[in-house]
Protein backbone atom coordinates (compact mmCIF):
# COMPACT_ATOMS: atom_id res chain seq x y z
CA MET A 1 -0.05 11.20 -19.00
CA SER A 2 -3.43 12.73 -20.25
CA ASP A 3 -4.16 15.75 -22.06
CA THR A 4 -6.81 16.59 -19.40
CA THR A 5 -6.05 19.22 -16.70
CA LEU A 6 -7.25 18.57 -13.57
CA PRO A 7 -9.40 21.01 -11.42
CA ASP A 8 -7.99 22.58 -8.12
CA HIS A 9 -11.01 21.11 -6.52
CA LEU A 10 -13.13 18.20 -6.73
CA SER A 11 -16.60 16.85 -5.71
CA VAL A 12 -18.08 13.46 -6.12
CA ASP A 13 -21.45 14.89 -4.82
CA PRO A 14 -23.90 15.56 -7.96
CA ALA A 15 -25.60 18.36 -6.24
CA SER A 16 -21.81 20.09 -5.42
CA PRO A 17 -20.74 22.92 -7.91
CA PHE A 18 -17.21 21.18 -8.13
CA PHE A 19 -18.43 17.84 -9.28
CA ASN A 20 -17.23 16.89 -12.77
CA GLY A 21 -19.37 13.49 -13.90
CA GLU A 22 -16.69 12.62 -16.79
CA LEU A 23 -13.56 13.01 -14.99
CA LEU A 24 -14.93 10.74 -12.06
CA GLU A 25 -15.69 7.78 -14.68
CA ARG A 26 -12.32 8.22 -15.95
CA GLY A 27 -10.75 7.54 -12.24
CA ILE A 28 -9.25 9.72 -10.01
CA GLY A 29 -6.09 9.27 -7.87
CA VAL A 30 -5.66 10.76 -4.55
CA ARG A 31 -2.36 11.09 -2.47
CA PHE A 32 -3.35 12.12 0.61
CA LYS A 33 0.40 12.70 3.34
CA GLY A 34 2.27 9.88 1.15
CA VAL A 35 -1.03 7.52 1.26
CA GLU A 36 -2.91 6.43 -1.33
CA LYS A 37 -7.41 7.49 -0.57
CA THR A 38 -10.04 5.42 -1.72
CA ASN A 39 -12.31 7.17 0.25
CA VAL A 40 -12.05 10.59 -0.96
CA GLU A 41 -15.36 12.25 -0.93
CA GLU A 42 -13.93 15.67 -2.05
CA TYR A 43 -10.72 17.72 -2.16
CA CYS A 44 -8.78 21.00 -2.60
CA ILE A 45 -5.48 21.00 -4.41
CA SER A 46 -4.59 24.98 -3.03
CA GLU A 47 -6.01 24.54 0.08
CA GLY A 48 -4.71 21.47 0.71
CA TRP A 49 -7.58 19.81 2.09
CA ILE A 50 -9.71 16.12 1.58
CA ARG A 51 -12.78 15.70 3.02
CA VAL A 52 -13.43 11.59 3.92
CA ALA A 53 -16.00 9.41 4.35
CA ILE A 54 -16.59 8.35 8.24
CA GLY A 55 -17.27 4.34 7.62
CA LYS A 56 -21.00 4.05 6.74
CA THR A 57 -22.49 6.52 8.38
CA VAL A 58 -24.54 8.74 6.56
CA ASP A 59 -26.89 12.09 7.74
CA ARG A 60 -30.77 12.34 7.50
CA HIS A 61 -30.62 12.55 3.04
CA GLY A 62 -28.59 9.50 2.88
CA ARG A 63 -25.07 11.43 1.83
CA PRO A 64 -22.09 10.06 3.77
CA LEU A 65 -20.73 11.68 7.09
CA THR A 66 -16.89 13.42 6.29
CA MET A 67 -14.46 14.58 7.88
CA LYS A 68 -12.19 17.38 6.73
CA LEU A 69 -7.76 16.76 6.82
CA SER A 70 -5.25 19.00 6.00
CA GLY A 71 -2.26 18.32 4.87
CA PRO A 72 -0.86 18.13 1.17
CA VAL A 73 -2.65 16.59 -1.68
CA GLU A 74 -1.88 14.92 -5.02
CA VAL A 75 -3.94 14.16 -7.56
CA TRP A 76 -3.97 11.98 -10.96
CA VAL A 77 -5.78 10.56 -13.31
CA LYS A 78 -6.16 6.52 -13.56
CA GLU A 79 -5.36 5.11 -17.16
C-alpha cells in the first residue's frame, strides 16, 4: 500500500473544492456495495454515498448529469 492517505471526500470536477488532480492521476478504485465502479464522479466515505454519471447525458454547461447512491463505500489507490 502507498503512503498516501485517501481523502474522505473526492471529486473529479476541477471546479469542486474536493478536487485533487495528483491523486486522480495515480488512479483511485471505488467499491460500492461490494461492486467495483468505474463511472464515479464523486464520493464521500463518512456519509456513505457516491455520485455516478447517468449515461452520456450532460447539463447545459457540459457536465455529466449524476445520481447520488447511498451505501457502503470502499476506496483504494490503484498502483
